[in-house]
Amino acid sequence: MVPLRDDNPTSITPYVTYGLIVANVLAFIYELILQQQGQLEPFFQLWAVVPQQLTASFEGTLVVTPVPEWVTLFSSQFLHAGWLHLGGNMLFLWIFGNNVEDCLGHLKYLVFYLACGALAALAQWYFSMASPIPSLGASGAIAGVMGAYILRYPTAEILTLIPLGIFTTVARIPAFFFLGFWFLQQSFYGLASLSQTNVGMAGGGIAYWAHAGGFLFGAILGPIMGLFSNSRG
């Protein structure tokens, strides 16, 4: 299912959400330049989360890099593996981010977003501590936004594109069902990845635990940071 928009107006201009989208797009353009120069893989090794290296740094082993390993918990949130990866993430951020920013306010929303992304990366790291494969993308942070959104706006309608074989249809689906289904799907695949090395980040695929973990952390941090304090009813 592909979300197209939500029927949920805001009372502010979501400058932080716009800024995050621009930052992600600019970072990806820089990646394309590095790819042409043959420097993309070293760039990912430096700025994406490499679980193996993060584990070593937590254990006190010297990891020779220009930046501390913990920095990658934040820098990795602005990196993407391709156009589809970037486009999908930015679509979800565009639809769900503005309303959460409206509730939290600009500064708290930025802190919330980055915190969810870092915690989501740690959730993925926990299940793949020895993996040498870089983990990157904004999806963990955006999953946190979605976790806050489902609490604050469970009945908001999401205009959704639904593929049905060779046909497609469009329907309005309550956020509770759309986001709830997404969370259950990520959790299911995360559990499947525990027994299959070719599923998830362990095999160079999707970081399902970052998605599920980010969603849960967003649902926890959102209310703590004031998700309901300035609600519009």
C-alpha atoms as a PDB file:
ATOM      1  CA  MET A   1       0.000   0.000   0.000  1.00  0.00           C
ATOM      2  CA  VAL A   2       1.291   3.437  -0.947  1.00  0.00           C
ATOM      3  CA  PRO A   3       0.102   6.496   0.995  1.00  0.00           C
ATOM      4  CA  LEU A   4      -0.733   9.483  -1.197  1.00  0.00           C
ATOM      5  CA  ARG A   5      -1.825  12.030   1.411  1.00  0.00           C
ATOM      6  CA  ASP A   6      -3.692  12.331   4.683  1.00  0.00           C
ATOM      7  CA  ASP A   7      -6.837  14.332   5.415  1.00  0.00           C
ATOM      8  CA  ASN A   8      -5.246  16.067   8.364  1.00  0.00           C
ATOM      9  CA  PRO A   9      -4.461  19.805   8.032  1.00  0.00           C
ATOM     10  CA  THR A  10      -1.853  21.540  10.158  1.00  0.00           C
ATOM     11  CA  SER A  11      -1.814  24.924  11.866  1.00  0.00           C
ATOM     12  CA  ILE A  12       1.867  25.661  11.185  1.00  0.00           C
ATOM     13  CA  THR A  13       4.319  25.575   8.328  1.00  0.00           C
ATOM     14  CA  PRO A  14       6.405  22.428   8.975  1.00  0.00           C
ATOM     15  CA  TYR A  15       9.798  24.003   8.348  1.00  0.00           C
ATOM     16  CA  VAL A  16      11.731  21.166  10.017  1.00  0.00           C
ATOM     17  CA  THR A  17      10.017  18.485   7.949  1.00  0.00           C
ATOM     18  CA  TYR A  18      10.756  20.461   4.795  1.00  0.00           C
ATOM     19  CA  GLY A  19      14.343  20.979   5.927  1.00  0.00           C
ATOM     20  CA  LEU A  20      14.835  17.272   6.619  1.00  0.00           C
ATOM     21  CA  ILE A  21      13.543  16.388   3.169  1.00  0.00           C
ATOM     22  CA  VAL A  22      15.889  18.899   1.538  1.00  0.00           C
ATOM     23  CA  ALA A  23      18.835  17.638   3.610  1.00  0.00           C
ATOM     24  CA  ASN A  24      18.156  14.045   2.587  1.00  0.00           C
ATOM     25  CA  VAL A  25      17.868  14.958  -1.089  1.00  0.00           C
ATOM     26  CA  LEU A  26      21.089  16.986  -1.015  1.00  0.00           C
ATOM     27  CA  ALA A  27      22.917  14.174   0.745  1.00  0.00           C
ATOM     28  CA  PHE A  28      21.739  11.747  -1.926  1.00  0.00           C
ATOM     29  CA  ILE A  29      22.904  14.047  -4.723  1.00  0.00           C
ATOM     30  CA  TYR A  30      26.310  14.074  -3.044  1.00  0.00           C
ATOM     31  CA  GLU A  31      26.200  10.270  -2.956  1.00  0.00           C
ATOM     32  CA  LEU A  32      25.591  10.217  -6.710  1.00  0.00           C
ATOM     33  CA  ILE A  33      28.669  12.383  -7.219  1.00  0.00           C
ATOM     34  CA  LEU A  34      30.750  10.072  -5.037  1.00  0.00           C
ATOM     35  CA  GLN A  35      29.415   7.055  -6.914  1.00  0.00           C
ATOM     36  CA  GLN A  36      30.664   8.491 -10.198  1.00  0.00           C
ATOM     37  CA  GLN A  37      34.072   8.969  -8.573  1.00  0.00           C
ATOM     38  CA  GLY A  38      34.143   5.459  -7.135  1.00  0.00           C
ATOM     39  CA  GLN A  39      34.154   6.776  -3.559  1.00  0.00           C
ATOM     40  CA  LEU A  40      30.671   5.827  -2.391  1.00  0.00           C
ATOM     41  CA  GLU A  41      31.544   2.614  -0.541  1.00  0.00           C
ATOM     42  CA  PRO A  42      34.270   4.238   1.621  1.00  0.00           C
ATOM     43  CA  PHE A  43      31.807   7.053   2.336  1.00  0.00           C
ATOM     44  CA  PHE A  44      29.212   4.554   3.568  1.00  0.00           C
ATOM     45  CA  GLN A  45      31.824   2.786   5.678  1.00  0.00           C
ATOM     46  CA  LEU A  46      32.593   6.082   7.379  1.00  0.00           C
ATOM     47  CA  TRP A  47      29.164   7.676   7.831  1.00  0.00           C
ATOM     48  CA  ALA A  48      26.688   4.760   7.871  1.00  0.00           C
ATOM     49  CA  VAL A  49      26.247   2.486  10.892  1.00  0.00           C
ATOM     50  CA  VAL A  50      28.515  -0.529  10.490  1.00  0.00           C
ATOM     51  CA  PRO A  51      27.314  -2.854  13.288  1.00  0.00           C
ATOM     52  CA  GLN A  52      30.630  -4.656  13.539  1.00  0.00           C
ATOM     53  CA  GLN A  53      32.500  -1.390  14.081  1.00  0.00           C
ATOM     54  CA  LEU A  54      29.887  -0.012  16.483  1.00  0.00           C
ATOM     55  CA  THR A  55      30.116  -3.190  18.557  1.00  0.00           C
ATOM     56  CA  ALA A  56      33.893  -2.885  18.692  1.00  0.00           C
ATOM     57  CA  SER A  57      33.667   0.739  19.840  1.00  0.00           C
ATOM     58  CA  PHE A  58      31.177  -0.189  22.594  1.00  0.00           C
ATOM     59  CA  GLU A  59      33.552  -2.928  23.755  1.00  0.00           C
ATOM     60  CA  GLY A  60      36.399  -0.448  24.008  1.00  0.00           C
ATOM     61  CA  THR A  61      38.265  -1.725  20.969  1.00  0.00           C
ATOM     62  CA  LEU A  62      40.085   1.001  19.063  1.00  0.00           C
ATOM     63  CA  VAL A  63      38.333   1.676  15.757  1.00  0.00           C
ATOM     64  CA  VAL A  64      40.453   3.910  13.554  1.00  0.00           C
ATOM     65  CA  THR A  65      38.003   6.339  11.929  1.00  0.00           C
ATOM     66  CA  PRO A  66      38.016  10.147  11.597  1.00  0.00           C
ATOM     67  CA  VAL A  67      34.760  10.412  13.604  1.00  0.00           C
ATOM     68  CA  PRO A  68      33.501   8.533  16.705  1.00  0.00           C
ATOM     69  CA  GLU A  69      31.337   5.558  15.806  1.00  0.00           C
ATOM     70  CA  TRP A  70      28.334   6.886  17.738  1.00  0.00           C
ATOM     71  CA  VAL A  71      28.133   9.806  15.307  1.00  0.00           C
ATOM     72  CA  THR A  72      26.982   7.377  12.620  1.00  0.00           C
ATOM     73  CA  LEU A  73      23.772   6.795  14.584  1.00  0.00           C
ATOM     74  CA  PHE A  74      22.799  10.274  13.373  1.00  0.00           C
ATOM     75  CA  SER A  75      24.687  10.717  10.088  1.00  0.00           C
ATOM     76  CA  SER A  76      23.300   7.430   8.720  1.00  0.00           C
ATOM     77  CA  GLN A  77      19.796   8.894   8.908  1.00  0.00           C
ATOM     78  CA  PHE A  78      20.544  11.130   5.927  1.00  0.00           C
ATOM     79  CA  LEU A  79      21.977   8.436   3.626  1.00  0.00           C
ATOM     80  CA  HIS A  80      20.070   6.268   1.142  1.00  0.00           C
ATOM     81  CA  ALA A  81      20.885   3.328  -1.087  1.00  0.00           C
ATOM     82  CA  GLY A  82      18.935   4.415  -4.162  1.00  0.00           C
ATOM     83  CA  TRP A  83      16.192   6.553  -5.655  1.00  0.00           C
ATOM     84  CA  LEU A  84      13.406   4.200  -4.536  1.00  0.00           C
ATOM     85  CA  HIS A  85      14.785   4.086  -0.989  1.00  0.00           C
ATOM     86  CA  LEU A  86      14.954   7.878  -0.852  1.00  0.00           C
ATOM     87  CA  GLY A  87      11.611   8.482  -2.560  1.00  0.00           C
ATOM     88  CA  GLY A  88       9.683   6.084  -0.348  1.00  0.00           C
ATOM     89  CA  ASN A  89      11.127   7.512   2.844  1.00  0.00           C
ATOM     90  CA  MET A  90      10.534  11.117   1.840  1.00  0.00           C
ATOM     91  CA  LEU A  91       6.949  10.355   0.820  1.00  0.00           C
ATOM     92  CA  PHE A  92       6.183   8.951   4.276  1.00  0.00           C
ATOM     93  CA  LEU A  93       7.983  11.852   5.964  1.00  0.00           C
ATOM     94  CA  TRP A  94       6.044  14.373   3.855  1.00  0.00           C
ATOM     95  CA  ILE A  95       2.684  12.824   4.753  1.00  0.00           C
ATOM     96  CA  PHE A  96       3.161  12.098   8.463  1.00  0.00           C
ATOM     97  CA  GLY A  97       5.899  14.475   9.599  1.00  0.00           C
ATOM     98  CA  ASN A  98       4.028  17.759   9.342  1.00  0.00           C
ATOM     99  CA  ASN A  99       1.314  16.763  11.812  1.00  0.00           C
ATOM    100  CA  VAL A 100       3.759  15.476  14.425  1.00  0.00           C
ATOM    101  CA  GLU A 101       5.799  18.659  14.025  1.00  0.00           C
ATOM    102  CA  ASP A 102       2.571  20.622  14.506  1.00  0.00           C
ATOM    103  CA  CYS A 103       2.010  18.869  17.852  1.00  0.00           C
ATOM    104  CA  LEU A 104       5.560  18.952  19.211  1.00  0.00           C
ATOM    105  CA  GLY A 105       6.768  22.276  17.837  1.00  0.00           C
ATOM    106  CA  HIS A 106       9.781  22.745  15.577  1.00  0.00           C
ATOM    107  CA  LEU A 107      12.680  22.244  18.001  1.00  0.00           C
ATOM    108  CA  LYS A 108      11.220  19.347  19.987  1.00  0.00           C
ATOM    109  CA  TYR A 109      10.196  17.672  16.751  1.00  0.00           C
ATOM    110  CA  LEU A 110      13.770  17.821  15.446  1.00  0.00           C
ATOM    111  CA  VAL A 111      15.109  16.342  18.686  1.00  0.00           C
ATOM    112  CA  PHE A 112      12.375  13.702  18.596  1.00  0.00           C
ATOM    113  CA  TYR A 113      13.152  12.787  14.980  1.00  0.00           C
ATOM    114  CA  LEU A 114      16.906  12.416  15.517  1.00  0.00           C
ATOM    115  CA  ALA A 115      16.424  10.512  18.778  1.00  0.00           C
ATOM    116  CA  CYS A 116      14.037   8.051  17.141  1.00  0.00           C
ATOM    117  CA  GLY A 117      16.489   7.533  14.296  1.00  0.00           C
ATOM    118  CA  ALA A 118      19.392   6.841  16.653  1.00  0.00           C
ATOM    119  CA  LEU A 119      17.362   4.485  18.831  1.00  0.00           C
ATOM    120  CA  ALA A 120      16.043   2.677  15.748  1.00  0.00           C
ATOM    121  CA  ALA A 121      19.613   2.185  14.534  1.00  0.00           C
ATOM    122  CA  LEU A 122      20.529   0.733  17.921  1.00  0.00           C
ATOM    123  CA  ALA A 123      17.549  -1.627  17.722  1.00  0.00           C
ATOM    124  CA  GLN A 124      18.823  -2.925  14.388  1.00  0.00           C
ATOM    125  CA  TRP A 125      22.383  -3.119  15.718  1.00  0.00           C
ATOM    126  CA  TYR A 126      21.219  -5.265  18.639  1.00  0.00           C
ATOM    127  CA  PHE A 127      20.078  -7.992  16.235  1.00  0.00           C
ATOM    128  CA  SER A 128      23.091  -7.792  13.907  1.00  0.00           C
ATOM    129  CA  MET A 129      26.071  -6.847  16.094  1.00  0.00           C
ATOM    130  CA  ALA A 130      28.625  -8.720  14.009  1.00  0.00           C
ATOM    131  CA  SER A 131      27.407  -7.597  10.590  1.00  0.00           C
ATOM    132  CA  PRO A 132      29.977  -5.770   8.411  1.00  0.00           C
ATOM    133  CA  ILE A 133      27.202  -4.401   6.166  1.00  0.00           C
ATOM    134  CA  PRO A 134      26.510  -0.648   6.509  1.00  0.00           C
ATOM    135  CA  SER A 135      23.026   0.249   7.747  1.00  0.00           C
ATOM    136  CA  LEU A 136      21.618   3.532   6.492  1.00  0.00           C
ATOM    137  CA  GLY A 137      18.434   5.432   5.758  1.00  0.00           C
ATOM    138  CA  ALA A 138      15.870   7.732   7.324  1.00  0.00           C
ATOM    139  CA  SER A 139      13.292   4.988   7.752  1.00  0.00           C
ATOM    140  CA  GLY A 140      13.993   4.406  11.453  1.00  0.00           C
ATOM    141  CA  ALA A 141      13.439   8.065  12.286  1.00  0.00           C
ATOM    142  CA  ILE A 142      10.366   8.217  10.061  1.00  0.00           C
ATOM    143  CA  ALA A 143       9.024   5.059  11.714  1.00  0.00           C
ATOM    144  CA  GLY A 144       9.252   7.004  14.981  1.00  0.00           C
ATOM    145  CA  VAL A 145       7.167   9.769  13.430  1.00  0.00           C
ATOM    146  CA  MET A 146       4.624   7.166  12.368  1.00  0.00           C
ATOM    147  CA  GLY A 147       4.537   5.696  15.867  1.00  0.00           C
ATOM    148  CA  ALA A 148       3.672   9.123  17.279  1.00  0.00           C
ATOM    149  CA  TYR A 149       1.162   9.788  14.499  1.00  0.00           C
ATOM    150  CA  ILE A 150      -0.853   6.626  15.152  1.00  0.00           C
ATOM    151  CA  LEU A 151      -1.282   7.633  18.799  1.00  0.00           C
ATOM    152  CA  ARG A 152      -2.263  11.225  18.112  1.00  0.00           C
ATOM    153  CA  TYR A 153      -4.359  10.713  14.978  1.00  0.00           C
ATOM    154  CA  PRO A 154      -5.620   7.108  14.936  1.00  0.00           C
ATOM    155  CA  THR A 155      -8.759   7.967  12.948  1.00  0.00           C
ATOM    156  CA  ALA A 156      -7.142  10.322  10.415  1.00  0.00           C
ATOM    157  CA  GLU A 157      -7.832   9.035   6.920  1.00  0.00           C
ATOM    158  CA  ILE A 158      -4.922   8.127   4.665  1.00  0.00           C
ATOM    159  CA  LEU A 159      -5.620   8.260   0.928  1.00  0.00           C
ATOM    160  CA  THR A 160      -3.922   5.039  -0.143  1.00  0.00           C
ATOM    161  CA  LEU A 161      -2.994   3.458  -3.466  1.00  0.00           C
ATOM    162  CA  ILE A 162      -3.667  -0.280  -3.247  1.00  0.00           C
ATOM    163  CA  PRO A 163      -2.251  -2.615  -5.931  1.00  0.00           C
ATOM    164  CA  LEU A 164      -4.530  -5.545  -6.803  1.00  0.00           C
ATOM    165  CA  GLY A 165      -2.589  -7.648  -9.260  1.00  0.00           C
ATOM    166  CA  ILE A 166      -2.589  -5.827 -12.585  1.00  0.00           C
ATOM    167  CA  PHE A 167      -5.154  -3.341 -11.279  1.00  0.00           C
ATOM    168  CA  THR A 168      -4.906  -0.635  -8.637  1.00  0.00           C
ATOM    169  CA  THR A 169      -7.480   1.162  -6.564  1.00  0.00           C
ATOM    170  CA  VAL A 170      -7.517   4.131  -4.199  1.00  0.00           C
ATOM    171  CA  ALA A 171      -9.156   4.052  -0.786  1.00  0.00           C
ATOM    172  CA  ARG A 172      -9.239   6.095   2.406  1.00  0.00           C
ATOM    173  CA  ILE A 173      -7.908   4.014   5.279  1.00  0.00           C
ATOM    174  CA  PRO A 174      -7.823   5.082   8.959  1.00  0.00           C
ATOM    175  CA  ALA A 175      -4.294   5.691  10.201  1.00  0.00           C
ATOM    176  CA  PHE A 176      -4.766   3.063  12.892  1.00  0.00           C
ATOM    177  CA  PHE A 177      -5.178   0.340  10.259  1.00  0.00           C
ATOM    178  CA  PHE A 178      -2.661   1.656   7.737  1.00  0.00           C
ATOM    179  CA  LEU A 179       0.162   2.252  10.233  1.00  0.00           C
ATOM    180  CA  GLY A 180      -0.816  -0.698  12.407  1.00  0.00           C
ATOM    181  CA  PHE A 181      -0.568  -3.048   9.443  1.00  0.00           C
ATOM    182  CA  TRP A 182       2.790  -1.523   8.488  1.00  0.00           C
ATOM    183  CA  PHE A 183       4.152  -2.084  12.000  1.00  0.00           C
ATOM    184  CA  LEU A 184       2.941  -5.688  12.157  1.00  0.00           C
ATOM    185  CA  GLN A 185       4.488  -6.349   8.750  1.00  0.00           C
ATOM    186  CA  GLN A 186       7.884  -4.982   9.818  1.00  0.00           C
ATOM    187  CA  SER A 187       7.750  -6.945  13.072  1.00  0.00           C
ATOM    188  CA  PHE A 188       6.899 -10.167  11.222  1.00  0.00           C
ATOM    189  CA  TYR A 189       9.792  -9.777   8.803  1.00  0.00           C
ATOM    190  CA  GLY A 190      12.065  -8.829  11.686  1.00  0.00           C
ATOM    191  CA  LEU A 191      11.214 -12.092  13.444  1.00  0.00           C
ATOM    192  CA  ALA A 192      11.763 -13.989  10.188  1.00  0.00           C
ATOM    193  CA  SER A 193      15.211 -12.424   9.860  1.00  0.00           C
ATOM    194  CA  LEU A 194      16.288 -14.005  13.155  1.00  0.00           C
ATOM    195  CA  SER A 195      16.278 -17.466  11.612  1.00  0.00           C
ATOM    196  CA  GLN A 196      17.276 -16.623   8.049  1.00  0.00           C
ATOM    197  CA  THR A 197      20.597 -14.973   7.336  1.00  0.00           C
ATOM    198  CA  ASN A 198      19.447 -13.757   3.909  1.00  0.00           C
ATOM    199  CA  VAL A 199      16.563 -11.694   5.326  1.00  0.00           C
ATOM    200  CA  GLY A 200      17.094  -8.172   6.602  1.00  0.00           C
ATOM    201  CA  MET A 201      20.337  -6.303   7.165  1.00  0.00           C
ATOM    202  CA  ALA A 202      22.271  -9.479   7.934  1.00  0.00           C
ATOM    203  CA  GLY A 203      21.950 -10.259   4.236  1.00  0.00           C
ATOM    204  CA  GLY A 204      22.256  -6.686   3.018  1.00  0.00           C
ATOM    205  CA  GLY A 205      18.512  -6.146   2.833  1.00  0.00           C
ATOM    206  CA  ILE A 206      15.957  -4.121   4.746  1.00  0.00           C
ATOM    207  CA  ALA A 207      16.519  -3.107   8.373  1.00  0.00           C
ATOM    208  CA  TYR A 208      13.206  -4.420   9.691  1.00  0.00           C
ATOM    209  CA  TRP A 209      14.174  -4.068  13.345  1.00  0.00           C
ATOM    210  CA  ALA A 210      15.033  -0.413  12.792  1.00  0.00           C
ATOM    211  CA  HIS A 211      11.528   0.082  11.417  1.00  0.00           C
ATOM    212  CA  ALA A 212       9.728  -1.789  14.194  1.00  0.00           C
ATOM    213  CA  GLY A 213      11.995  -0.352  16.885  1.00  0.00           C
ATOM    214  CA  GLY A 214      11.692   3.190  15.586  1.00  0.00           C
ATOM    215  CA  PHE A 215       7.901   2.887  15.555  1.00  0.00           C
ATOM    216  CA  LEU A 216       7.829   1.762  19.205  1.00  0.00           C
ATOM    217  CA  PHE A 217      10.308   4.406  20.327  1.00  0.00           C
ATOM    218  CA  GLY A 218       8.232   7.075  18.575  1.00  0.00           C
ATOM    219  CA  ALA A 219       5.103   5.880  20.355  1.00  0.00           C
ATOM    220  CA  ILE A 220       6.969   6.124  23.675  1.00  0.00           C
ATOM    221  CA  LEU A 221       8.870   9.376  23.151  1.00  0.00           C
ATOM    222  CA  GLY A 222       6.008  11.263  21.490  1.00  0.00           C
ATOM    223  CA  PRO A 223       3.800  11.550  24.598  1.00  0.00           C
ATOM    224  CA  ILE A 224       6.828  12.164  26.809  1.00  0.00           C
ATOM    225  CA  MET A 225       7.846  15.112  24.644  1.00  0.00           C
ATOM    226  CA  GLY A 226       4.368  16.667  24.546  1.00  0.00           C
ATOM    227  CA  LEU A 227       2.525  14.989  21.701  1.00  0.00           C
ATOM    228  CA  PHE A 228      -0.819  15.705  23.364  1.00  0.00           C
ATOM    229  CA  SER A 229      -0.025  18.869  25.327  1.00  0.00           C
ATOM    230  CA  ASN A 230      -0.819  21.277  22.476  1.00  0.00           C
ATOM    231  CA  SER A 231      -3.311  19.106  20.670  1.00  0.00           C
ATOM    232  CA  ARG A 232      -5.952  20.612  18.430  1.00  0.00           C
ATOM    233  CA  GLY A 233      -8.634  18.141  19.559  1.00  0.00           C
END
